[in-house]
Amino acid sequence: RELVAQISWNGVNTLYASSVKGRFTISRDNAKTT
C-alpha cells in the first residue's frame, strides 16, 4: 500500500506522490466530513 495524496486538517496544505503530481487533486469538505 502506498500513500498518493494528503491534506492538512484545515485543507490549506497538500502533498502528492511524484507518480500522481499534476494529475490528482485532494480536497476536503469539513462540513460534510468528506
Full PDB file with SEQRES, HELIX, SHEET, SSBOND, CRYST1, ORIGX, SCALE, CONECT and MASTER records, all heavy atoms in Angstrom:
SEQRES   1 A   34  ARG GLU LEU VAL ALA GLN ILE SER TRP ASN GLY VAL ASN          
SEQRES   2 A   34  THR LEU TYR ALA SER SER VAL LYS GLY ARG PHE THR ILE          
SEQRES   3 A   34  SER ARG ASP ASN ALA LYS THR THR                              
SHEET    1 AA1 2 ALA A   5  ILE A   7  0                                        
SHEET    2 AA1 2 THR A  14  TYR A  16 -1                                        
CRYST1    1.000    1.000    1.000  90.00  90.00  90.00 P 1           1          
ORIGX1      1.000000  0.000000  0.000000        0.00000                         
ORIGX2      0.000000  1.000000  0.000000        0.00000                         
ORIGX3      0.000000  0.000000  1.000000        0.00000                         
SCALE1      1.000000  0.000000  0.000000        0.00000                         
SCALE2      0.000000  1.000000  0.000000        0.00000                         
SCALE3      0.000000  0.000000  1.000000        0.00000                         
ATOM      1  N   ARG A   1       0.835  -1.180   0.000  1.00  0.00           N  
ATOM      2  CA  ARG A   1       0.000   0.000   0.000  1.00  0.00           C  
ATOM      3  C   ARG A   1       0.882   1.246   0.000  1.00  0.00           C  
ATOM      4  O   ARG A   1       1.892   1.299   0.705  1.00  0.00           O  
ATOM      5  CB  ARG A   1      -0.913  -0.011   1.235  1.00  0.00           C  
ATOM      6  CG  ARG A   1      -1.897   1.145   1.293  1.00  0.00           C  
ATOM      7  CD  ARG A   1      -2.922   0.925   2.392  1.00  0.00           C  
ATOM      8  NE  ARG A   1      -2.284   0.704   3.670  1.00  0.00           N  
ATOM      9  CZ  ARG A   1      -2.575  -0.291   4.489  1.00  0.00           C  
ATOM     10  NH1 ARG A   1      -3.523  -1.167   4.163  1.00  0.00           N  
ATOM     11  NH2 ARG A   1      -1.943  -0.419   5.646  1.00  0.00           N  
ATOM     12  N   GLU A   2       0.522   2.225  -0.798  1.00  0.00           N  
ATOM     13  CA  GLU A   2       1.304   3.440  -0.894  1.00  0.00           C  
ATOM     14  C   GLU A   2       0.415   4.669  -0.728  1.00  0.00           C  
ATOM     15  O   GLU A   2      -0.742   4.681  -1.141  1.00  0.00           O  
ATOM     16  CB  GLU A   2       2.041   3.520  -2.230  1.00  0.00           C  
ATOM     17  CG  GLU A   2       1.130   3.566  -3.443  1.00  0.00           C  
ATOM     18  CD  GLU A   2       1.875   3.793  -4.748  1.00  0.00           C  
ATOM     19  OE1 GLU A   2       3.009   4.318  -4.720  1.00  0.00           O  
ATOM     20  OE2 GLU A   2       1.317   3.445  -5.811  1.00  0.00           O  
ATOM     21  N   LEU A   3       0.976   5.695  -0.152  1.00  0.00           N  
ATOM     22  CA  LEU A   3       0.285   6.968   0.006  1.00  0.00           C  
ATOM     23  C   LEU A   3       0.428   7.778  -1.268  1.00  0.00           C  
ATOM     24  O   LEU A   3       1.537   7.954  -1.776  1.00  0.00           O  
ATOM     25  CB  LEU A   3       0.878   7.738   1.186  1.00  0.00           C  
ATOM     26  CG  LEU A   3       0.315   9.128   1.468  1.00  0.00           C  
ATOM     27  CD1 LEU A   3      -1.131   9.046   1.927  1.00  0.00           C  
ATOM     28  CD2 LEU A   3       1.171   9.833   2.510  1.00  0.00           C  
ATOM     29  N   VAL A   4      -0.682   8.285  -1.794  1.00  0.00           N  
ATOM     30  CA  VAL A   4      -0.633   9.050  -3.032  1.00  0.00           C  
ATOM     31  C   VAL A   4      -0.924  10.529  -2.833  1.00  0.00           C  
ATOM     32  O   VAL A   4      -0.486  11.357  -3.638  1.00  0.00           O  
ATOM     33  CB  VAL A   4      -1.565   8.464  -4.110  1.00  0.00           C  
ATOM     34  CG1 VAL A   4      -1.139   7.047  -4.465  1.00  0.00           C  
ATOM     35  CG2 VAL A   4      -3.020   8.488  -3.660  1.00  0.00           C  
ATOM     36  N   ALA A   5      -1.669  10.883  -1.792  1.00  0.00           N  
ATOM     37  CA  ALA A   5      -2.010  12.284  -1.568  1.00  0.00           C  
ATOM     38  C   ALA A   5      -2.398  12.494  -0.117  1.00  0.00           C  
ATOM     39  O   ALA A   5      -2.940  11.593   0.519  1.00  0.00           O  
ATOM     40  CB  ALA A   5      -3.155  12.733  -2.477  1.00  0.00           C  
ATOM     41  N   GLN A   6      -2.142  13.687   0.404  1.00  0.00           N  
ATOM     42  CA  GLN A   6      -2.537  14.011   1.762  1.00  0.00           C  
ATOM     43  C   GLN A   6      -2.897  15.479   1.850  1.00  0.00           C  
ATOM     44  O   GLN A   6      -2.446  16.301   1.053  1.00  0.00           O  
ATOM     45  CB  GLN A   6      -1.431  13.648   2.762  1.00  0.00           C  
ATOM     46  CG  GLN A   6      -0.070  14.231   2.449  1.00  0.00           C  
ATOM     47  CD  GLN A   6       1.033  13.634   3.303  1.00  0.00           C  
ATOM     48  OE1 GLN A   6       0.992  13.730   4.540  1.00  0.00           O  
ATOM     49  NE2 GLN A   6       2.010  13.009   2.658  1.00  0.00           N  
ATOM     50  N   ILE A   7      -3.714  15.793   2.853  1.00  0.00           N  
ATOM     51  CA  ILE A   7      -4.207  17.150   3.038  1.00  0.00           C  
ATOM     52  C   ILE A   7      -4.242  17.465   4.522  1.00  0.00           C  
ATOM     53  O   ILE A   7      -4.621  16.626   5.339  1.00  0.00           O  
ATOM     54  CB  ILE A   7      -5.593  17.329   2.369  1.00  0.00           C  
ATOM     55  CG1 ILE A   7      -6.040  18.788   2.392  1.00  0.00           C  
ATOM     56  CG2 ILE A   7      -6.624  16.402   3.008  1.00  0.00           C  
ATOM     57  CD1 ILE A   7      -7.238  19.054   1.470  1.00  0.00           C  
ATOM     58  N   SER A   8      -3.821  18.671   4.876  1.00  0.00           N  
ATOM     59  CA  SER A   8      -3.768  19.064   6.277  1.00  0.00           C  
ATOM     60  C   SER A   8      -5.171  19.202   6.853  1.00  0.00           C  
ATOM     61  O   SER A   8      -6.173  19.226   6.134  1.00  0.00           O  
ATOM     62  CB  SER A   8      -2.997  20.375   6.423  1.00  0.00           C  
ATOM     63  OG  SER A   8      -3.633  21.427   5.702  1.00  0.00           O  
ATOM     64  N   TRP A   9      -5.238  19.327   8.170  1.00  0.00           N  
ATOM     65  CA  TRP A   9      -6.530  19.335   8.857  1.00  0.00           C  
ATOM     66  C   TRP A   9      -7.432  20.468   8.395  1.00  0.00           C  
ATOM     67  O   TRP A   9      -8.663  20.321   8.394  1.00  0.00           O  
ATOM     68  CB  TRP A   9      -6.320  19.416  10.370  1.00  0.00           C  
ATOM     69  CG  TRP A   9      -5.756  20.741  10.819  1.00  0.00           C  
ATOM     70  CD1 TRP A   9      -4.451  21.086  10.937  1.00  0.00           C  
ATOM     71  CD2 TRP A   9      -6.506  21.893  11.216  1.00  0.00           C  
ATOM     72  NE1 TRP A   9      -4.327  22.382  11.367  1.00  0.00           N  
ATOM     73  CE2 TRP A   9      -5.583  22.904  11.552  1.00  0.00           C  
ATOM     74  CE3 TRP A   9      -7.865  22.171  11.320  1.00  0.00           C  
ATOM     75  CZ2 TRP A   9      -5.972  24.172  11.975  1.00  0.00           C  
ATOM     76  CZ3 TRP A   9      -8.263  23.434  11.751  1.00  0.00           C  
ATOM     77  CH2 TRP A   9      -7.317  24.412  12.070  1.00  0.00           C  
ATOM     78  N   ASN A  10      -6.841  21.586   8.019  1.00  0.00           N  
ATOM     79  CA  ASN A  10      -7.631  22.743   7.604  1.00  0.00           C  
ATOM     80  C   ASN A  10      -7.735  22.877   6.084  1.00  0.00           C  
ATOM     81  O   ASN A  10      -8.325  23.841   5.590  1.00  0.00           O  
ATOM     82  CB  ASN A  10      -7.059  24.024   8.206  1.00  0.00           C  
ATOM     83  CG  ASN A  10      -5.604  24.255   7.822  1.00  0.00           C  
ATOM     84  OD1 ASN A  10      -5.033  23.533   7.010  1.00  0.00           O  
ATOM     85  ND2 ASN A  10      -5.001  25.279   8.410  1.00  0.00           N  
ATOM     86  N   GLY A  11      -7.160  21.935   5.345  1.00  0.00           N  
ATOM     87  CA  GLY A  11      -7.248  21.950   3.900  1.00  0.00           C  
ATOM     88  C   GLY A  11      -6.313  22.912   3.207  1.00  0.00           C  
ATOM     89  O   GLY A  11      -6.342  23.016   1.977  1.00  0.00           O  
ATOM     90  N   VAL A  12      -5.464  23.593   3.956  1.00  0.00           N  
ATOM     91  CA  VAL A  12      -4.596  24.600   3.372  1.00  0.00           C  
ATOM     92  C   VAL A  12      -3.415  23.977   2.634  1.00  0.00           C  
ATOM     93  O   VAL A  12      -2.981  24.489   1.597  1.00  0.00           O  
ATOM     94  CB  VAL A  12      -4.105  25.576   4.460  1.00  0.00           C  
ATOM     95  CG1 VAL A  12      -3.019  26.504   3.924  1.00  0.00           C  
ATOM     96  CG2 VAL A  12      -5.274  26.379   5.008  1.00  0.00           C  
ATOM     97  N   ASN A  13      -2.894  22.885   3.154  1.00  0.00           N  
ATOM     98  CA  ASN A  13      -1.683  22.279   2.614  1.00  0.00           C  
ATOM     99  C   ASN A  13      -1.961  20.899   2.042  1.00  0.00           C  
ATOM    100  O   ASN A  13      -2.742  20.124   2.605  1.00  0.00           O  
ATOM    101  CB  ASN A  13      -0.620  22.171   3.710  1.00  0.00           C  
ATOM    102  CG  ASN A  13      -0.298  23.512   4.333  1.00  0.00           C  
ATOM    103  OD1 ASN A  13       0.174  24.418   3.658  1.00  0.00           O  
ATOM    104  ND2 ASN A  13      -0.559  23.645   5.625  1.00  0.00           N  
ATOM    105  N   THR A  14      -1.308  20.598   0.934  1.00  0.00           N  
ATOM    106  CA  THR A  14      -1.435  19.290   0.303  1.00  0.00           C  
ATOM    107  C   THR A  14      -0.074  18.778  -0.127  1.00  0.00           C  
ATOM    108  O   THR A  14       0.845  19.559  -0.390  1.00  0.00           O  
ATOM    109  CB  THR A  14      -2.363  19.334  -0.919  1.00  0.00           C  
ATOM    110  OG1 THR A  14      -1.859  20.282  -1.870  1.00  0.00           O  
ATOM    111  CG2 THR A  14      -3.782  19.729  -0.519  1.00  0.00           C  
ATOM    112  N   LEU A  15       0.051  17.462  -0.207  1.00  0.00           N  
ATOM    113  CA  LEU A  15       1.248  16.802  -0.694  1.00  0.00           C  
ATOM    114  C   LEU A  15       0.842  15.633  -1.570  1.00  0.00           C  
ATOM    115  O   LEU A  15      -0.178  14.990  -1.324  1.00  0.00           O  
ATOM    116  CB  LEU A  15       2.114  16.293   0.468  1.00  0.00           C  
ATOM    117  CG  LEU A  15       2.804  17.345   1.340  1.00  0.00           C  
ATOM    118  CD1 LEU A  15       3.379  16.692   2.591  1.00  0.00           C  
ATOM    119  CD2 LEU A  15       3.901  18.049   0.560  1.00  0.00           C  
ATOM    120  N   TYR A  16       1.661  15.351  -2.588  1.00  0.00           N  
ATOM    121  CA  TYR A  16       1.367  14.288  -3.536  1.00  0.00           C  
ATOM    122  C   TYR A  16       2.591  13.441  -3.808  1.00  0.00           C  
ATOM    123  O   TYR A  16       3.724  13.939  -3.811  1.00  0.00           O  
ATOM    124  CB  TYR A  16       0.879  14.863  -4.865  1.00  0.00           C  
ATOM    125  CG  TYR A  16      -0.374  15.687  -4.740  1.00  0.00           C  
ATOM    126  CD1 TYR A  16      -0.317  17.056  -4.526  1.00  0.00           C  
ATOM    127  CD2 TYR A  16      -1.628  15.082  -4.825  1.00  0.00           C  
ATOM    128  CE1 TYR A  16      -1.468  17.810  -4.401  1.00  0.00           C  
ATOM    129  CE2 TYR A  16      -2.783  15.833  -4.700  1.00  0.00           C  
ATOM    130  CZ  TYR A  16      -2.700  17.194  -4.487  1.00  0.00           C  
ATOM    131  OH  TYR A  16      -3.855  17.938  -4.363  1.00  0.00           O  
ATOM    132  N   ALA A  17       2.353  12.162  -4.058  1.00  0.00           N  
ATOM    133  CA  ALA A  17       3.415  11.315  -4.557  1.00  0.00           C  
ATOM    134  C   ALA A  17       3.820  11.788  -5.949  1.00  0.00           C  
ATOM    135  O   ALA A  17       2.993  12.292  -6.715  1.00  0.00           O  
ATOM    136  CB  ALA A  17       2.959   9.860  -4.608  1.00  0.00           C  
ATOM    137  N   SER A  18       5.088  11.627  -6.275  1.00  0.00           N  
ATOM    138  CA  SER A  18       5.566  12.100  -7.568  1.00  0.00           C  
ATOM    139  C   SER A  18       4.835  11.437  -8.731  1.00  0.00           C  
ATOM    140  O   SER A  18       4.672  12.050  -9.795  1.00  0.00           O  
ATOM    141  CB  SER A  18       7.073  11.859  -7.686  1.00  0.00           C  
ATOM    142  OG  SER A  18       7.386  10.483  -7.577  1.00  0.00           O  
ATOM    143  N   SER A  19       4.374  10.215  -8.540  1.00  0.00           N  
ATOM    144  CA  SER A  19       3.712   9.484  -9.608  1.00  0.00           C  
ATOM    145  C   SER A  19       2.357  10.075  -9.995  1.00  0.00           C  
ATOM    146  O   SER A  19       1.859   9.797 -11.095  1.00  0.00           O  
ATOM    147  CB  SER A  19       3.534   8.017  -9.213  1.00  0.00           C  
ATOM    148  OG  SER A  19       2.783   7.907  -8.017  1.00  0.00           O  
ATOM    149  N   VAL A  20       1.753  10.869  -9.113  1.00  0.00           N  
ATOM    150  CA  VAL A  20       0.428  11.423  -9.387  1.00  0.00           C  
ATOM    151  C   VAL A  20       0.410  12.943  -9.411  1.00  0.00           C  
ATOM    152  O   VAL A  20      -0.619  13.536  -9.759  1.00  0.00           O  
ATOM    153  CB  VAL A  20      -0.627  10.915  -8.380  1.00  0.00           C  
ATOM    154  CG1 VAL A  20      -0.610   9.399  -8.304  1.00  0.00           C  
ATOM    155  CG2 VAL A  20      -0.410  11.533  -6.998  1.00  0.00           C  
ATOM    156  N   LYS A  21       1.508  13.576  -9.065  1.00  0.00           N  
ATOM    157  CA  LYS A  21       1.552  15.033  -9.005  1.00  0.00           C  
ATOM    158  C   LYS A  21       1.203  15.631 -10.365  1.00  0.00           C  
ATOM    159  O   LYS A  21       1.717  15.209 -11.399  1.00  0.00           O  
ATOM    160  CB  LYS A  21       2.931  15.497  -8.551  1.00  0.00           C  
ATOM    161  CG  LYS A  21       3.027  16.996  -8.278  1.00  0.00           C  
ATOM    162  CD  LYS A  21       4.373  17.357  -7.666  1.00  0.00           C  
ATOM    163  CE  LYS A  21       4.538  16.727  -6.300  1.00  0.00           C  
ATOM    164  NZ  LYS A  21       5.811  17.151  -5.646  1.00  0.00           N  
ATOM    165  N   GLY A  22       0.315  16.618 -10.332  1.00  0.00           N  
ATOM    166  CA  GLY A  22      -0.133  17.260 -11.548  1.00  0.00           C  
ATOM    167  C   GLY A  22      -1.341  16.609 -12.174  1.00  0.00           C  
ATOM    168  O   GLY A  22      -1.961  17.195 -13.076  1.00  0.00           O  
ATOM    169  N   ARG A  23      -1.687  15.414 -11.726  1.00  0.00           N  
ATOM    170  CA  ARG A  23      -2.843  14.697 -12.250  1.00  0.00           C  
ATOM    171  C   ARG A  23      -3.957  14.533 -11.222  1.00  0.00           C  
ATOM    172  O   ARG A  23      -5.131  14.540 -11.582  1.00  0.00           O  
ATOM    173  CB  ARG A  23      -2.434  13.320 -12.767  1.00  0.00           C  
ATOM    174  CG  ARG A  23      -1.406  13.360 -13.894  1.00  0.00           C  
ATOM    175  CD  ARG A  23      -1.178  11.978 -14.491  1.00  0.00           C  
ATOM    176  NE  ARG A  23      -0.630  11.042 -13.510  1.00  0.00           N  
ATOM    177  CZ  ARG A  23      -1.232   9.923 -13.125  1.00  0.00           C  
ATOM    178  NH1 ARG A  23      -2.415   9.583 -13.638  1.00  0.00           N  
ATOM    179  NH2 ARG A  23      -0.658   9.121 -12.234  1.00  0.00           N  
ATOM    180  N   PHE A  24      -3.591  14.364  -9.957  1.00  0.00           N  
ATOM    181  CA  PHE A  24      -4.562  14.147  -8.883  1.00  0.00           C  
ATOM    182  C   PHE A  24      -4.669  15.387  -8.012  1.00  0.00           C  
ATOM    183  O   PHE A  24      -3.677  16.094  -7.796  1.00  0.00           O  
ATOM    184  CB  PHE A  24      -4.144  12.975  -7.993  1.00  0.00           C  
ATOM    185  CG  PHE A  24      -4.223  11.616  -8.634  1.00  0.00           C  
ATOM    186  CD1 PHE A  24      -4.436  11.447  -9.995  1.00  0.00           C  
ATOM    187  CD2 PHE A  24      -4.079  10.483  -7.844  1.00  0.00           C  
ATOM    188  CE1 PHE A  24      -4.503  10.189 -10.566  1.00  0.00           C  
ATOM    189  CE2 PHE A  24      -4.144   9.214  -8.404  1.00  0.00           C  
ATOM    190  CZ  PHE A  24      -4.355   9.067  -9.753  1.00  0.00           C  
ATOM    191  N   THR A  25      -5.862  15.627  -7.477  1.00  0.00           N  
ATOM    192  CA  THR A  25      -6.088  16.728  -6.549  1.00  0.00           C  
ATOM    193  C   THR A  25      -6.892  16.231  -5.362  1.00  0.00           C  
ATOM    194  O   THR A  25      -7.996  15.700  -5.538  1.00  0.00           O  
ATOM    195  CB  THR A  25      -6.835  17.889  -7.214  1.00  0.00           C  
ATOM    196  OG1 THR A  25      -6.104  18.340  -8.359  1.00  0.00           O  
ATOM    197  CG2 THR A  25      -6.999  19.047  -6.230  1.00  0.00           C  
ATOM    198  N   ILE A  26      -6.349  16.392  -4.166  1.00  0.00           N  
ATOM    199  CA  ILE A  26      -7.065  16.034  -2.950  1.00  0.00           C  
ATOM    200  C   ILE A  26      -7.733  17.285  -2.387  1.00  0.00           C  
ATOM    201  O   ILE A  26      -7.168  18.379  -2.440  1.00  0.00           O  
ATOM    202  CB  ILE A  26      -6.124  15.382  -1.914  1.00  0.00           C  
ATOM    203  CG1 ILE A  26      -6.915  14.833  -0.725  1.00  0.00           C  
ATOM    204  CG2 ILE A  26      -5.032  16.341  -1.463  1.00  0.00           C  
ATOM    205  CD1 ILE A  26      -6.068  13.990   0.230  1.00  0.00           C  
ATOM    206  N   SER A  27      -8.934  17.124  -1.866  1.00  0.00           N  
ATOM    207  CA  SER A  27      -9.649  18.225  -1.250  1.00  0.00           C  
ATOM    208  C   SER A  27     -10.517  17.686  -0.128  1.00  0.00           C  
ATOM    209  O   SER A  27     -10.681  16.473   0.011  1.00  0.00           O  
ATOM    210  CB  SER A  27     -10.496  18.986  -2.282  1.00  0.00           C  
ATOM    211  OG  SER A  27     -11.481  18.139  -2.848  1.00  0.00           O  
ATOM    212  N   ARG A  28     -11.064  18.585   0.673  1.00  0.00           N  
ATOM    213  CA  ARG A  28     -11.920  18.143   1.763  1.00  0.00           C  
ATOM    214  C   ARG A  28     -13.013  19.154   2.017  1.00  0.00           C  
ATOM    215  O   ARG A  28     -12.860  20.352   1.754  1.00  0.00           O  
ATOM    216  CB  ARG A  28     -11.100  17.901   3.042  1.00  0.00           C  
ATOM    217  CG  ARG A  28     -10.499  19.153   3.661  1.00  0.00           C  
ATOM    218  CD  ARG A  28      -9.487  18.787   4.750  1.00  0.00           C  
ATOM    219  NE  ARG A  28     -10.103  18.075   5.860  1.00  0.00           N  
ATOM    220  CZ  ARG A  28      -9.442  17.339   6.745  1.00  0.00           C  
ATOM    221  NH1 ARG A  28      -8.120  17.209   6.647  1.00  0.00           N  
ATOM    222  NH2 ARG A  28     -10.093  16.730   7.730  1.00  0.00           N  
ATOM    223  N   ASP A  29     -14.117  18.654   2.542  1.00  0.00           N  
ATOM    224  CA  ASP A  29     -15.234  19.473   2.959  1.00  0.00           C  
ATOM    225  C   ASP A  29     -15.525  19.087   4.396  1.00  0.00           C  
ATOM    226  O   ASP A  29     -16.172  18.075   4.656  1.00  0.00           O  
ATOM    227  CB  ASP A  29     -16.448  19.243   2.066  1.00  0.00           C  
ATOM    228  CG  ASP A  29     -17.599  20.178   2.384  1.00  0.00           C  
ATOM    229  OD1 ASP A  29     -17.694  20.667   3.520  1.00  0.00           O  
ATOM    230  OD2 ASP A  29     -18.420  20.418   1.479  1.00  0.00           O  
ATOM    231  N   ASN A  30     -15.024  19.874   5.323  1.00  0.00           N  
ATOM    232  CA  ASN A  30     -15.154  19.516   6.728  1.00  0.00           C  
ATOM    233  C   ASN A  30     -16.606  19.544   7.207  1.00  0.00           C  
ATOM    234  O   ASN A  30     -16.970  18.804   8.116  1.00  0.00           O  
ATOM    235  CB  ASN A  30     -14.287  20.434   7.594  1.00  0.00           C  
ATOM    236  CG  ASN A  30     -12.817  20.104   7.480  1.00  0.00           C  
ATOM    237  OD1 ASN A  30     -12.435  19.111   6.861  1.00  0.00           O  
ATOM    238  ND2 ASN A  30     -11.974  20.938   8.072  1.00  0.00           N  
ATOM    239  N   ALA A  31     -17.424  20.395   6.606  1.00  0.00           N  
ATOM    240  CA  ALA A  31     -18.836  20.437   6.971  1.00  0.00           C  
ATOM    241  C   ALA A  31     -19.536  19.127   6.616  1.00  0.00           C  
ATOM    242  O   ALA A  31     -20.462  18.702   7.310  1.00  0.00           O  
ATOM    243  CB  ALA A  31     -19.529  21.610   6.287  1.00  0.00           C  
ATOM    244  N   LYS A  32     -19.098  18.489   5.531  1.00  0.00           N  
ATOM    245  CA  LYS A  32     -19.649  17.205   5.111  1.00  0.00           C  
ATOM    246  C   LYS A  32     -18.837  16.026   5.622  1.00  0.00           C  
ATOM    247  O   LYS A  32     -19.193  14.881   5.352  1.00  0.00           O  
ATOM    248  CB  LYS A  32     -19.737  17.133   3.589  1.00  0.00           C  
ATOM    249  CG  LYS A  32     -20.692  18.130   2.972  1.00  0.00           C  
ATOM    250  CD  LYS A  32     -20.742  17.963   1.459  1.00  0.00           C  
ATOM    251  CE  LYS A  32     -21.722  18.927   0.831  1.00  0.00           C  
ATOM    252  NZ  LYS A  32     -21.766  18.781  -0.651  1.00  0.00           N  
ATOM    253  N   THR A  33     -17.776  16.308   6.346  1.00  0.00           N  
ATOM    254  CA  THR A  33     -16.839  15.289   6.849  1.00  0.00           C  
ATOM    255  C   THR A  33     -16.440  14.315   5.740  1.00  0.00           C  
ATOM    256  O   THR A  33     -16.428  13.097   5.926  1.00  0.00           O  
ATOM    257  CB  THR A  33     -17.404  14.533   8.071  1.00  0.00           C  
ATOM    258  OG1 THR A  33     -18.549  13.752   7.707  1.00  0.00           O  
ATOM    259  CG2 THR A  33     -17.771  15.503   9.175  1.00  0.00           C  
ATOM    260  N   THR A  34     -16.089  14.872   4.591  1.00  0.00           N  
ATOM    261  CA  THR A  34     -15.767  14.082   3.411  1.00  0.00           C  
ATOM    262  C   THR A  34     -14.476  14.591   2.780  1.00  0.00           C  
ATOM    263  O   THR A  34     -14.245  15.802   2.717  1.00  0.00           O  
ATOM    264  CB  THR A  34     -16.903  14.140   2.377  1.00  0.00           C  
ATOM    265  OG1 THR A  34     -18.106  13.634   2.966  1.00  0.00           O  
ATOM    266  CG2 THR A  34     -16.571  13.307   1.150  1.00  0.00           C  
TER     267      THR A  34                                                      
MASTER        0    0    0    0    2    0    0    6  266    1    0    3          
END                                                                             
